[in-house]
């Protein structure tokens, strides 16, 4: 099952670090996932988050305002894969 992951952020260091961590988790665990970076502030605001970075899986906001650890990212992805 393919999942769609979006990283919401305007390009701050935390946003870039979150995107890098997500890409590493996806690669290390061989997840079938598309990763997209959303930098447009209007699109970010449409998700209703108040602080970046944000992480969206299959159009559901799963995190905002903090840099997640790789373990946290893996847990969130697996929760969506397993339903």
PDB file of N, CA and C in Angstrom:
ATOM      1  N   UNK A   1       0.852  -1.188   0.000  1.00  0.00           N
ATOM      2  CA  UNK A   1       0.000   0.000   0.000  1.00  0.00           C
ATOM      3  C   UNK A   1       0.890   1.240   0.000  1.00  0.00           C
ATOM      4  N   UNK A   2       0.704   2.065  -0.996  1.00  0.00           N
ATOM      5  CA  UNK A   2       1.487   3.290  -1.096  1.00  0.00           C
ATOM      6  C   UNK A   2       0.886   4.374  -0.205  1.00  0.00           C
ATOM      7  N   UNK A   3       1.772   5.114   0.454  1.00  0.00           N
ATOM      8  CA  UNK A   3       1.290   6.216   1.271  1.00  0.00           C
ATOM      9  C   UNK A   3       1.904   7.512   0.755  1.00  0.00           C
ATOM     10  N   UNK A   4       1.193   8.607   1.024  1.00  0.00           N
ATOM     11  CA  UNK A   4       1.647   9.929   0.623  1.00  0.00           C
ATOM     12  C   UNK A   4       2.009  10.705   1.876  1.00  0.00           C
ATOM     13  N   UNK A   5       3.251  11.174   1.931  1.00  0.00           N
ATOM     14  CA  UNK A   5       3.723  11.928   3.088  1.00  0.00           C
ATOM     15  C   UNK A   5       4.077  13.337   2.630  1.00  0.00           C
ATOM     16  N   UNK A   6       3.574  14.316   3.351  1.00  0.00           N
ATOM     17  CA  UNK A   6       3.914  15.701   3.055  1.00  0.00           C
ATOM     18  C   UNK A   6       4.629  16.308   4.251  1.00  0.00           C
ATOM     19  N   UNK A   7       5.672  17.071   3.958  1.00  0.00           N
ATOM     20  CA  UNK A   7       6.388  17.825   4.978  1.00  0.00           C
ATOM     21  C   UNK A   7       5.973  19.276   4.778  1.00  0.00           C
ATOM     22  N   UNK A   8       5.343  19.843   5.799  1.00  0.00           N
ATOM     23  CA  UNK A   8       4.892  21.232   5.720  1.00  0.00           C
ATOM     24  C   UNK A   8       5.922  22.123   6.379  1.00  0.00           C
ATOM     25  N   UNK A   9       6.444  23.086   5.624  1.00  0.00           N
ATOM     26  CA  UNK A   9       7.424  23.995   6.197  1.00  0.00           C
ATOM     27  C   UNK A   9       7.994  24.924   5.143  1.00  0.00           C
ATOM     28  N   UNK A  10       8.394  26.096   5.577  1.00  0.00           N
ATOM     29  CA  UNK A  10       8.854  27.119   4.642  1.00  0.00           C
ATOM     30  C   UNK A  10      10.342  27.035   4.358  1.00  0.00           C
ATOM     31  N   UNK A  11      11.021  26.047   4.898  1.00  0.00           N
ATOM     32  CA  UNK A  11      12.435  25.877   4.609  1.00  0.00           C
ATOM     33  C   UNK A  11      13.353  26.163   5.784  1.00  0.00           C
ATOM     34  N   UNK A  12      12.795  26.228   6.978  1.00  0.00           N
ATOM     35  CA  UNK A  12      13.599  26.450   8.177  1.00  0.00           C
ATOM     36  C   UNK A  12      14.445  25.201   8.465  1.00  0.00           C
ATOM     37  N   UNK A  13      15.486  25.333   9.292  1.00  0.00           N
ATOM     38  CA  UNK A  13      16.332  24.166   9.595  1.00  0.00           C
ATOM     39  C   UNK A  13      15.556  22.959  10.138  1.00  0.00           C
ATOM     40  N   UNK A  14      14.570  23.186  11.007  1.00  0.00           N
ATOM     41  CA  UNK A  14      13.787  22.061  11.550  1.00  0.00           C
ATOM     42  C   UNK A  14      12.979  21.379  10.458  1.00  0.00           C
ATOM     43  N   UNK A  15      12.456  22.184   9.525  1.00  0.00           N
ATOM     44  CA  UNK A  15      11.675  21.614   8.421  1.00  0.00           C
ATOM     45  C   UNK A  15      12.558  20.732   7.549  1.00  0.00           C
ATOM     46  N   UNK A  16      13.757  21.219   7.258  1.00  0.00           N
ATOM     47  CA  UNK A  16      14.693  20.448   6.442  1.00  0.00           C
ATOM     48  C   UNK A  16      15.137  19.187   7.171  1.00  0.00           C
ATOM     49  N   UNK A  17      15.345  19.279   8.472  1.00  0.00           N
ATOM     50  CA  UNK A  17      15.759  18.119   9.271  1.00  0.00           C
ATOM     51  C   UNK A  17      14.648  17.068   9.307  1.00  0.00           C
ATOM     52  N   UNK A  18      13.390  17.523   9.417  1.00  0.00           N
ATOM     53  CA  UNK A  18      12.264  16.585   9.434  1.00  0.00           C
ATOM     54  C   UNK A  18      12.161  15.878   8.086  1.00  0.00           C
ATOM     55  N   UNK A  19      12.278  16.635   7.004  1.00  0.00           N
ATOM     56  CA  UNK A  19      12.207  16.021   5.675  1.00  0.00           C
ATOM     57  C   UNK A  19      13.314  14.974   5.505  1.00  0.00           C
ATOM     58  N   UNK A  20      14.527  15.301   5.925  1.00  0.00           N
ATOM     59  CA  UNK A  20      15.665  14.382   5.827  1.00  0.00           C
ATOM     60  C   UNK A  20      15.398  13.117   6.642  1.00  0.00           C
ATOM     61  N   UNK A  21      14.901  13.268   7.869  1.00  0.00           N
ATOM     62  CA  UNK A  21      14.608  12.114   8.732  1.00  0.00           C
ATOM     63  C   UNK A  21      13.523  11.230   8.121  1.00  0.00           C
ATOM     64  N   UNK A  22      12.478  11.853   7.567  1.00  0.00           N
ATOM     65  CA  UNK A  22      11.397  11.078   6.940  1.00  0.00           C
ATOM     66  C   UNK A  22      11.940  10.277   5.765  1.00  0.00           C
ATOM     67  N   UNK A  23      12.747  10.933   4.922  1.00  0.00           N
ATOM     68  CA  UNK A  23      13.324  10.232   3.767  1.00  0.00           C
ATOM     69  C   UNK A  23      14.190   9.057   4.222  1.00  0.00           C
ATOM     70  N   UNK A  24      14.965   9.236   5.295  1.00  0.00           N
ATOM     71  CA  UNK A  24      15.811   8.155   5.811  1.00  0.00           C
ATOM     72  C   UNK A  24      14.968   6.997   6.333  1.00  0.00           C
ATOM     73  N   UNK A  25      13.905   7.293   7.077  1.00  0.00           N
ATOM     74  CA  UNK A  25      13.036   6.244   7.631  1.00  0.00           C
ATOM     75  C   UNK A  25      12.376   5.457   6.494  1.00  0.00           C
ATOM     76  N   UNK A  26      11.878   6.180   5.482  1.00  0.00           N
ATOM     77  CA  UNK A  26      11.228   5.514   4.347  1.00  0.00           C
ATOM     78  C   UNK A  26      12.218   4.600   3.629  1.00  0.00           C
ATOM     79  N   UNK A  27      13.429   5.104   3.406  1.00  0.00           N
ATOM     80  CA  UNK A  27      14.445   4.308   2.697  1.00  0.00           C
ATOM     81  C   UNK A  27      14.896   3.108   3.530  1.00  0.00           C
ATOM     82  N   UNK A  28      15.170   3.328   4.819  1.00  0.00           N
ATOM     83  CA  UNK A  28      15.670   2.254   5.686  1.00  0.00           C
ATOM     84  C   UNK A  28      14.659   1.128   5.849  1.00  0.00           C
ATOM     85  N   UNK A  29      13.361   1.470   5.820  1.00  0.00           N
ATOM     86  CA  UNK A  29      12.318   0.477   6.059  1.00  0.00           C
ATOM     87  C   UNK A  29      11.622   0.025   4.772  1.00  0.00           C
ATOM     88  N   UNK A  30      12.090   0.527   3.637  1.00  0.00           N
ATOM     89  CA  UNK A  30      11.554   0.139   2.326  1.00  0.00           C
ATOM     90  C   UNK A  30      10.048   0.362   2.225  1.00  0.00           C
ATOM     91  N   UNK A  31       9.582   1.487   2.769  1.00  0.00           N
ATOM     92  CA  UNK A  31       8.156   1.823   2.666  1.00  0.00           C
ATOM     93  C   UNK A  31       7.856   2.292   1.247  1.00  0.00           C
ATOM     94  N   UNK A  32       6.677   1.963   0.764  1.00  0.00           N
ATOM     95  CA  UNK A  32       6.213   2.458  -0.530  1.00  0.00           C
ATOM     96  C   UNK A  32       5.548   3.806  -0.256  1.00  0.00           C
ATOM     97  N   UNK A  33       6.331   4.872  -0.394  1.00  0.00           N
ATOM     98  CA  UNK A  33       5.817   6.191  -0.020  1.00  0.00           C
ATOM     99  C   UNK A  33       6.309   7.276  -0.967  1.00  0.00           C
ATOM    100  N   UNK A  34       5.425   8.213  -1.248  1.00  0.00           N
ATOM    101  CA  UNK A  34       5.802   9.415  -1.972  1.00  0.00           C
ATOM    102  C   UNK A  34       5.966  10.517  -0.936  1.00  0.00           C
ATOM    103  N   UNK A  35       7.060  11.243  -1.020  1.00  0.00           N
ATOM    104  CA  UNK A  35       7.319  12.326  -0.068  1.00  0.00           C
ATOM    105  C   UNK A  35       7.305  13.642  -0.829  1.00  0.00           C
ATOM    106  N   UNK A  36       6.535  14.567  -0.311  1.00  0.00           N
ATOM    107  CA  UNK A  36       6.379  15.860  -0.965  1.00  0.00           C
ATOM    108  C   UNK A  36       6.675  16.966   0.044  1.00  0.00           C
ATOM    109  N   UNK A  37       7.385  17.986  -0.381  1.00  0.00           N
ATOM    110  CA  UNK A  37       7.683  19.143   0.471  1.00  0.00           C
ATOM    111  C   UNK A  37       6.714  20.248   0.091  1.00  0.00           C
ATOM    112  N   UNK A  38       5.976  20.767   1.063  1.00  0.00           N
ATOM    113  CA  UNK A  38       5.021  21.849   0.831  1.00  0.00           C
ATOM    114  C   UNK A  38       5.571  23.104   1.496  1.00  0.00           C
ATOM    115  N   UNK A  39       5.952  24.098   0.681  1.00  0.00           N
ATOM    116  CA  UNK A  39       6.545  25.326   1.210  1.00  0.00           C
ATOM    117  C   UNK A  39       5.626  26.532   1.054  1.00  0.00           C
ATOM    118  N   UNK A  40       4.558  26.383   0.292  1.00  0.00           N
ATOM    119  CA  UNK A  40       3.610  27.475   0.068  1.00  0.00           C
ATOM    120  C   UNK A  40       2.817  27.732   1.360  1.00  0.00           C
ATOM    121  N   UNK A  41       2.976  28.939   1.916  1.00  0.00           N
ATOM    122  CA  UNK A  41       2.356  29.247   3.216  1.00  0.00           C
ATOM    123  C   UNK A  41       0.839  29.108   3.184  1.00  0.00           C
ATOM    124  N   UNK A  42       0.198  29.433   2.060  1.00  0.00           N
ATOM    125  CA  UNK A  42      -1.254  29.300   1.948  1.00  0.00           C
ATOM    126  C   UNK A  42      -1.661  27.831   2.017  1.00  0.00           C
ATOM    127  N   UNK A  43      -0.923  26.974   1.303  1.00  0.00           N
ATOM    128  CA  UNK A  43      -1.217  25.534   1.349  1.00  0.00           C
ATOM    129  C   UNK A  43      -0.987  24.979   2.755  1.00  0.00           C
ATOM    130  N   UNK A  44       0.077  25.448   3.416  1.00  0.00           N
ATOM    131  CA  UNK A  44       0.357  25.002   4.783  1.00  0.00           C
ATOM    132  C   UNK A  44      -0.791  25.410   5.706  1.00  0.00           C
ATOM    133  N   UNK A  45      -1.246  26.649   5.570  1.00  0.00           N
ATOM    134  CA  UNK A  45      -2.340  27.140   6.420  1.00  0.00           C
ATOM    135  C   UNK A  45      -3.626  26.356   6.189  1.00  0.00           C
ATOM    136  N   UNK A  46      -3.820  25.854   4.969  1.00  0.00           N
ATOM    137  CA  UNK A  46      -5.017  25.066   4.666  1.00  0.00           C
ATOM    138  C   UNK A  46      -5.090  23.774   5.484  1.00  0.00           C
ATOM    139  N   UNK A  47      -3.942  23.315   6.001  1.00  0.00           N
ATOM    140  CA  UNK A  47      -3.937  22.122   6.853  1.00  0.00           C
ATOM    141  C   UNK A  47      -4.280  22.460   8.301  1.00  0.00           C
ATOM    142  N   UNK A  48      -4.361  23.754   8.612  1.00  0.00           N
ATOM    143  CA  UNK A  48      -4.780  24.166   9.948  1.00  0.00           C
ATOM    144  C   UNK A  48      -3.729  24.039  11.027  1.00  0.00           C
ATOM    145  N   UNK A  49      -2.455  23.924  10.641  1.00  0.00           N
ATOM    146  CA  UNK A  49      -1.422  23.841  11.672  1.00  0.00           C
ATOM    147  C   UNK A  49      -0.964  25.249  12.040  1.00  0.00           C
ATOM    148  N   UNK A  50      -0.579  25.421  13.287  1.00  0.00           N
ATOM    149  CA  UNK A  50      -0.171  26.730  13.781  1.00  0.00           C
ATOM    150  C   UNK A  50       1.339  26.898  13.783  1.00  0.00           C
ATOM    151  N   UNK A  51       2.071  25.795  13.730  1.00  0.00           N
ATOM    152  CA  UNK A  51       3.531  25.876  13.771  1.00  0.00           C
ATOM    153  C   UNK A  51       4.125  24.796  12.866  1.00  0.00           C
ATOM    154  N   UNK A  52       5.237  25.149  12.230  1.00  0.00           N
ATOM    155  CA  UNK A  52       5.938  24.177  11.410  1.00  0.00           C
ATOM    156  C   UNK A  52       7.151  23.668  12.173  1.00  0.00           C
ATOM    157  N   UNK A  53       7.722  22.540  11.827  1.00  0.00           N
ATOM    158  CA  UNK A  53       7.345  21.715  10.681  1.00  0.00           C
ATOM    159  C   UNK A  53       6.107  20.877  10.962  1.00  0.00           C
ATOM    160  N   UNK A  54       5.446  20.507   9.895  1.00  0.00           N
ATOM    161  CA  UNK A  54       4.284  19.643   9.999  1.00  0.00           C
ATOM    162  C   UNK A  54       4.491  18.392   9.172  1.00  0.00           C
ATOM    163  N   UNK A  55       3.836  17.322   9.584  1.00  0.00           N
ATOM    164  CA  UNK A  55       3.893  16.060   8.833  1.00  0.00           C
ATOM    165  C   UNK A  55       2.472  15.601   8.566  1.00  0.00           C
ATOM    166  N   UNK A  56       2.206  15.300   7.299  1.00  0.00           N
ATOM    167  CA  UNK A  56       0.880  14.873   6.866  1.00  0.00           C
ATOM    168  C   UNK A  56       1.034  13.510   6.202  1.00  0.00           C
ATOM    169  N   UNK A  57       0.209  12.549   6.616  1.00  0.00           N
ATOM    170  CA  UNK A  57       0.208  11.228   5.979  1.00  0.00           C
ATOM    171  C   UNK A  57      -1.183  10.999   5.407  1.00  0.00           C
ATOM    172  N   UNK A  58      -1.226  10.749   4.091  1.00  0.00           N
ATOM    173  CA  UNK A  58      -2.501  10.522   3.395  1.00  0.00           C
ATOM    174  C   UNK A  58      -3.529  11.603   3.758  1.00  0.00           C
ATOM    175  N   UNK A  59      -3.078  12.855   3.694  1.00  0.00           N
ATOM    176  CA  UNK A  59      -3.904  14.049   3.923  1.00  0.00           C
ATOM    177  C   UNK A  59      -4.386  14.212   5.370  1.00  0.00           C
ATOM    178  N   UNK A  60      -3.801  13.482   6.310  1.00  0.00           N
ATOM    179  CA  UNK A  60      -4.145  13.655   7.728  1.00  0.00           C
ATOM    180  C   UNK A  60      -2.924  14.215   8.456  1.00  0.00           C
ATOM    181  N   UNK A  61      -3.110  15.348   9.138  1.00  0.00           N
ATOM    182  CA  UNK A  61      -2.008  15.945   9.898  1.00  0.00           C
ATOM    183  C   UNK A  61      -1.699  15.039  11.083  1.00  0.00           C
ATOM    184  N   UNK A  62      -0.454  14.578  11.175  1.00  0.00           N
ATOM    185  CA  UNK A  62      -0.065  13.684  12.265  1.00  0.00           C
ATOM    186  C   UNK A  62       0.887  14.360  13.246  1.00  0.00           C
ATOM    187  N   UNK A  63       1.462  15.503  12.845  1.00  0.00           N
ATOM    188  CA  UNK A  63       2.366  16.214  13.734  1.00  0.00           C
ATOM    189  C   UNK A  63       2.536  17.649  13.255  1.00  0.00           C
ATOM    190  N   UNK A  64       2.692  18.559  14.218  1.00  0.00           N
ATOM    191  CA  UNK A  64       3.021  19.934  13.845  1.00  0.00           C
ATOM    192  C   UNK A  64       3.785  20.608  14.975  1.00  0.00           C
ATOM    193  N   UNK A  65       4.679  21.498  14.577  1.00  0.00           N
ATOM    194  CA  UNK A  65       5.384  22.324  15.544  1.00  0.00           C
ATOM    195  C   UNK A  65       6.580  21.697  16.220  1.00  0.00           C
ATOM    196  N   UNK A  66       6.951  20.487  15.798  1.00  0.00           N
ATOM    197  CA  UNK A  66       8.113  19.880  16.438  1.00  0.00           C
ATOM    198  C   UNK A  66       8.838  18.936  15.487  1.00  0.00           C
ATOM    199  N   UNK A  67      10.112  18.784  15.782  1.00  0.00           N
ATOM    200  CA  UNK A  67      10.950  17.868  15.010  1.00  0.00           C
ATOM    201  C   UNK A  67      10.816  16.482  15.628  1.00  0.00           C
ATOM    202  N   UNK A  68      10.314  15.546  14.841  1.00  0.00           N
ATOM    203  CA  UNK A  68      10.106  14.185  15.327  1.00  0.00           C
ATOM    204  C   UNK A  68      11.394  13.368  15.240  1.00  0.00           C
ATOM    205  N   UNK A  69      11.514  12.407  16.137  1.00  0.00           N
ATOM    206  CA  UNK A  69      12.636  11.465  16.051  1.00  0.00           C
ATOM    207  C   UNK A  69      12.317  10.449  14.957  1.00  0.00           C
ATOM    208  N   UNK A  70      13.337   9.736  14.512  1.00  0.00           N
ATOM    209  CA  UNK A  70      13.113   8.710  13.488  1.00  0.00           C
ATOM    210  C   UNK A  70      12.184   7.610  14.005  1.00  0.00           C
ATOM    211  N   UNK A  71      12.281   7.289  15.291  1.00  0.00           N
ATOM    212  CA  UNK A  71      11.376   6.283  15.865  1.00  0.00           C
ATOM    213  C   UNK A  71       9.926   6.760  15.832  1.00  0.00           C
ATOM    214  N   UNK A  72       9.719   8.039  16.148  1.00  0.00           N
ATOM    215  CA  UNK A  72       8.356   8.590  16.112  1.00  0.00           C
ATOM    216  C   UNK A  72       7.806   8.581  14.686  1.00  0.00           C
ATOM    217  N   UNK A  73       8.647   8.931  13.723  1.00  0.00           N
ATOM    218  CA  UNK A  73       8.228   8.932  12.320  1.00  0.00           C
ATOM    219  C   UNK A  73       7.834   7.522  11.892  1.00  0.00           C
ATOM    220  N   UNK A  74       8.668   6.549  12.240  1.00  0.00           N
ATOM    221  CA  UNK A  74       8.394   5.146  11.884  1.00  0.00           C
ATOM    222  C   UNK A  74       7.069   4.686  12.488  1.00  0.00           C
ATOM    223  N   UNK A  75       6.824   5.029  13.741  1.00  0.00           N
ATOM    224  CA  UNK A  75       5.579   4.648  14.413  1.00  0.00           C
ATOM    225  C   UNK A  75       4.365   5.242  13.701  1.00  0.00           C
ATOM    226  N   UNK A  76       4.465   6.530  13.336  1.00  0.00           N
ATOM    227  CA  UNK A  76       3.345   7.183  12.653  1.00  0.00           C
ATOM    228  C   UNK A  76       3.074   6.555  11.287  1.00  0.00           C
ATOM    229  N   UNK A  77       4.125   6.263  10.538  1.00  0.00           N
ATOM    230  CA  UNK A  77       3.962   5.642   9.221  1.00  0.00           C
ATOM    231  C   UNK A  77       3.347   4.252   9.357  1.00  0.00           C
ATOM    232  N   UNK A  78       3.854   3.471  10.315  1.00  0.00           N
ATOM    233  CA  UNK A  78       3.336   2.107  10.488  1.00  0.00           C
ATOM    234  C   UNK A  78       1.878   2.106  10.945  1.00  0.00           C
ATOM    235  N   UNK A  79       1.508   3.097  11.747  1.00  0.00           N
ATOM    236  CA  UNK A  79       0.112   3.214  12.182  1.00  0.00           C
ATOM    237  C   UNK A  79      -0.797   3.392  10.966  1.00  0.00           C
ATOM    238  N   UNK A  80      -0.337   4.155   9.984  1.00  0.00           N
ATOM    239  CA  UNK A  80      -1.141   4.369   8.767  1.00  0.00           C
ATOM    240  C   UNK A  80      -1.120   3.170   7.847  1.00  0.00           C
ATOM    241  N   UNK A  81       0.011   2.470   7.782  1.00  0.00           N
ATOM    242  CA  UNK A  81       0.089   1.277   6.931  1.00  0.00           C
ATOM    243  C   UNK A  81      -0.801   0.169   7.487  1.00  0.00           C
ATOM    244  N   UNK A  82      -0.786   0.014   8.809  1.00  0.00           N
ATOM    245  CA  UNK A  82      -1.538  -1.063   9.459  1.00  0.00           C
ATOM    246  C   UNK A  82      -2.985  -0.704   9.777  1.00  0.00           C
ATOM    247  N   UNK A  83      -3.343   0.552   9.530  1.00  0.00           N
ATOM    248  CA  UNK A  83      -4.718   0.983   9.799  1.00  0.00           C
ATOM    249  C   UNK A  83      -4.921   1.193  11.261  1.00  0.00           C
TER     250      UNK A  83
END
